[in-house]
């Protein structure tokens, strides 16, 4: 009798393991089917699919953003504020303090007319000055064949250089290894925004 009980308990234990494996397999298959449906279908997607797609996209973007290595002077407060701006946008920061920031700019071949207070390296690109995080994300998404981006000097209203509602007009420039410079993005002043709003 005890022998039969032992066999019965052993069969129950084996059955529970098999059921667990089967459940995991079904869940995996269902998730795979949902993902394939999202990728290949042009039809409207359900809320569950939308949540899953958003989750996948967010993780992909986080993987793309990776980390920024920032070189700055220990006395530079606005550089620290720009770093905080990047952190709020999901960037992981390595913050290096240096007393010879000019040597860093020369090492990464930042054109003399595009220099600012700090220099960062993001996924191999040079980011000079108070460049908005959105422009850096666009850079990482489009992956153009350039050396990097720059906001020369320290315009008021750029990330890390906020003074109330004041905002100077400024331009984000791109540059390549031959110092060829082009406009990457433009930002208007707070005054021009007010004028445009008033005219509307």
Protein backbone atom coordinates (compact mmCIF):
# COMPACT_ATOMS: atom_id res chain seq x y z
CA UNK A 1 0.00 0.00 0.00
CA UNK A 2 2.77 2.39 0.89
CA UNK A 3 4.45 1.51 -2.40
CA UNK A 4 1.32 2.55 -4.32
CA UNK A 5 1.12 5.82 -2.36
CA UNK A 6 4.73 6.58 -3.23
CA UNK A 7 4.07 6.00 -6.96
CA UNK A 8 0.91 8.13 -6.77
CA UNK A 9 2.68 11.07 -5.05
CA UNK A 10 5.56 10.82 -7.52
CA UNK A 11 3.07 10.91 -10.45
CA UNK A 12 1.35 14.01 -8.94
CA UNK A 13 4.70 15.78 -8.57
CA UNK A 14 5.68 14.94 -12.16
CA UNK A 15 2.27 16.10 -13.44
CA UNK A 16 2.55 19.46 -11.65
CA UNK A 17 5.97 20.06 -13.24
CA UNK A 18 4.64 19.20 -16.70
CA UNK A 19 1.65 21.53 -16.24
CA UNK A 20 3.98 24.36 -15.19
CA UNK A 21 6.14 23.85 -18.27
CA UNK A 22 3.08 23.74 -20.52
CA UNK A 23 1.72 27.01 -19.05
CA UNK A 24 5.06 28.77 -19.61
CA UNK A 25 5.19 27.50 -23.18
CA UNK A 26 1.66 28.76 -23.91
CA UNK A 27 2.46 32.20 -22.43
CA UNK A 28 5.65 32.44 -24.51
CA UNK A 29 3.80 31.46 -27.70
CA UNK A 30 1.03 33.99 -27.01
CA UNK A 31 3.54 36.82 -26.46
CA UNK A 32 5.38 35.86 -29.63
CA UNK A 33 2.15 35.87 -31.64
CA UNK A 34 1.16 39.28 -30.24
CA UNK A 35 4.59 40.73 -31.10
CA UNK A 36 4.47 39.31 -34.63
CA UNK A 37 0.96 40.68 -35.05
CA UNK A 38 2.12 44.15 -34.00
CA UNK A 39 5.11 44.07 -36.36
CA UNK A 40 3.37 42.81 -39.50
CA UNK A 41 -0.16 44.15 -39.19
CA UNK A 42 -1.37 47.53 -40.46
CA UNK A 43 -4.73 47.09 -38.72
CA UNK A 44 -5.64 49.10 -35.59
CA UNK A 45 -4.10 47.55 -32.49
CA UNK A 46 -5.74 46.77 -29.17
CA UNK A 47 -4.92 48.51 -25.90
CA UNK A 48 -2.90 45.50 -24.75
CA UNK A 49 -0.88 45.54 -27.97
CA UNK A 50 -0.38 49.29 -27.66
CA UNK A 51 0.97 48.94 -24.12
CA UNK A 52 3.32 46.15 -25.17
CA UNK A 53 4.52 48.12 -28.22
CA UNK A 54 5.14 51.20 -26.06
CA UNK A 55 7.11 49.10 -23.58
CA UNK A 56 9.30 47.63 -26.32
CA UNK A 57 9.84 51.05 -27.96
CA UNK A 58 10.77 52.67 -24.63
CA UNK A 59 13.32 49.98 -23.87
CA UNK A 60 14.76 50.23 -27.38
CA UNK A 61 15.14 53.99 -27.00
CA UNK A 62 16.78 53.60 -23.61
CA UNK A 63 19.23 51.16 -25.13
CA UNK A 64 20.00 53.65 -27.91
CA UNK A 65 20.54 56.59 -25.57
CA UNK A 66 23.12 54.67 -23.50
CA UNK A 67 25.45 56.99 -21.58
CA UNK A 68 27.08 60.39 -21.87
CA UNK A 69 30.60 61.08 -20.68
CA UNK A 70 30.80 64.76 -19.69
CA UNK A 71 34.04 66.71 -19.24
CA UNK A 72 33.70 69.99 -17.34
CA UNK A 73 35.45 72.40 -15.02
CA UNK A 74 34.78 71.87 -11.28
CA UNK A 75 33.63 75.50 -11.04
CA UNK A 76 31.03 75.24 -13.81
CA UNK A 77 27.55 75.32 -12.23
CA UNK A 78 25.63 75.56 -15.52
CA UNK A 79 27.40 72.38 -16.70
CA UNK A 80 25.95 70.57 -13.69
CA UNK A 81 22.47 71.85 -14.54
CA UNK A 82 22.86 70.59 -18.12
CA UNK A 83 23.86 67.18 -16.74
CA UNK A 84 20.67 67.19 -14.62
CA UNK A 85 18.70 67.99 -17.79
CA UNK A 86 20.15 64.92 -19.52
CA UNK A 87 19.44 62.71 -16.50
CA UNK A 88 15.76 63.70 -16.52
CA UNK A 89 15.69 62.61 -20.18
CA UNK A 90 16.98 59.12 -19.36
CA UNK A 91 20.70 59.54 -20.06
CA UNK A 92 23.24 57.79 -17.84
CA UNK A 93 26.04 60.23 -17.00
CA UNK A 94 29.75 59.80 -16.32
CA UNK A 95 30.88 63.15 -14.92
CA UNK A 96 34.59 63.96 -15.26
CA UNK A 97 35.97 67.12 -13.64
CA UNK A 98 39.06 68.58 -15.29
CA UNK A 99 41.13 71.72 -14.89
CA UNK A 100 42.17 71.56 -18.56
CA UNK A 101 38.92 71.54 -20.54
CA UNK A 102 40.69 73.07 -23.56
CA UNK A 103 42.80 69.92 -23.93
CA UNK A 104 39.59 67.87 -24.09
CA UNK A 105 38.20 70.10 -26.86
CA UNK A 106 41.43 69.77 -28.83
CA UNK A 107 41.43 65.98 -28.37
CA UNK A 108 37.93 65.68 -29.83
CA UNK A 109 38.58 68.34 -32.52
CA UNK A 110 35.83 70.75 -31.57
CA UNK A 111 36.05 73.71 -34.02
CA UNK A 112 37.28 76.87 -32.28
CA UNK A 113 34.18 78.86 -33.26
CA UNK A 114 31.84 76.22 -31.78
CA UNK A 115 33.34 75.83 -28.30
CA UNK A 116 31.37 76.18 -25.08
CA UNK A 117 31.81 75.43 -21.38
CA UNK A 118 31.68 71.61 -21.42
CA UNK A 119 32.29 68.72 -23.82
CA UNK A 120 30.46 65.39 -23.81
CA UNK A 121 30.83 62.13 -25.72
CA UNK A 122 27.56 60.33 -26.43
CA UNK A 123 27.71 57.03 -28.33
CA UNK A 124 30.82 58.21 -30.17
CA UNK A 125 29.46 61.67 -31.03
CA UNK A 126 30.88 64.90 -29.59
CA UNK A 127 28.26 67.11 -27.91
CA UNK A 128 29.61 70.57 -27.16
CA UNK A 129 27.79 72.97 -24.86
CA UNK A 130 24.14 73.23 -23.84
CA UNK A 131 22.62 71.06 -26.57
CA UNK A 132 19.00 70.04 -25.73
CA UNK A 133 18.46 66.35 -25.00
CA UNK A 134 15.87 66.11 -27.80
CA UNK A 135 18.50 67.08 -30.38
CA UNK A 136 20.88 64.46 -28.99
CA UNK A 137 18.14 61.82 -29.20
CA UNK A 138 17.46 62.83 -32.81
CA UNK A 139 21.20 62.56 -33.52
CA UNK A 140 21.30 59.03 -32.09
CA UNK A 141 18.21 58.02 -34.03
CA UNK A 142 19.27 59.42 -37.42
CA UNK A 143 22.99 58.56 -37.00
CA UNK A 144 24.32 61.06 -39.56
CA UNK A 145 27.94 60.90 -40.68
CA UNK A 146 29.14 63.84 -38.58
CA UNK A 147 31.50 64.31 -35.64
CA UNK A 148 28.95 65.92 -33.35
CA UNK A 149 26.71 68.80 -32.31
CA UNK A 150 27.35 72.15 -30.68
CA UNK A 151 25.57 75.11 -29.15
CA UNK A 152 28.40 77.68 -29.10
CA UNK A 153 28.97 79.88 -26.06
CA UNK A 154 26.21 79.78 -23.41
CA UNK A 155 22.91 81.25 -24.69
CA UNK A 156 20.32 82.13 -22.05
CA UNK A 157 17.38 79.73 -22.14
CA UNK A 158 19.31 76.67 -23.24
CA UNK A 159 19.11 73.62 -20.92
CA UNK A 160 21.18 74.50 -17.86
CA UNK A 161 21.19 78.23 -18.67
CA UNK A 162 17.60 79.06 -17.68
CA UNK A 163 16.92 82.54 -16.29
CA UNK A 164 13.20 82.85 -15.62
CA UNK A 165 11.23 82.98 -18.86
CA UNK A 166 14.04 84.69 -20.75
CA UNK A 167 15.28 82.81 -23.82
CA UNK A 168 17.80 84.01 -26.39
CA UNK A 169 17.55 82.68 -29.94
CA UNK A 170 20.15 79.99 -30.54
CA UNK A 171 21.23 77.42 -33.10
CA UNK A 172 22.35 73.83 -32.72
CA UNK A 173 25.14 73.23 -35.23
CA UNK A 174 26.49 69.95 -36.57
CA UNK A 175 30.15 69.58 -37.56
CA UNK A 176 32.25 66.87 -39.17
CA UNK A 177 35.91 65.89 -38.89
CA UNK A 178 36.84 68.44 -41.56
CA UNK A 179 35.18 71.26 -39.57
CA UNK A 180 32.29 71.52 -42.02
CA UNK A 181 29.48 73.22 -40.09
CA UNK A 182 25.73 73.02 -40.81
CA UNK A 183 22.53 74.00 -38.99
CA UNK A 184 20.99 71.02 -37.14
CA UNK A 185 18.17 72.88 -35.36
CA UNK A 186 17.08 76.43 -34.50
CA UNK A 187 15.33 77.82 -31.43
CA UNK A 188 13.60 81.22 -31.37
CA UNK A 189 13.82 83.75 -28.55
CA UNK A 190 11.04 84.08 -25.97
CA UNK A 191 10.29 87.52 -27.45
CA UNK A 192 9.77 86.16 -30.98
CA UNK A 193 7.45 83.49 -29.57
CA UNK A 194 5.41 86.21 -27.86
CA UNK A 195 5.27 88.20 -31.09
CA UNK A 196 4.10 85.17 -33.06
CA UNK A 197 1.45 84.38 -30.46
CA UNK A 198 0.24 87.98 -30.49
CA UNK A 199 -0.06 88.00 -34.28
CA UNK A 200 -2.13 84.78 -34.17
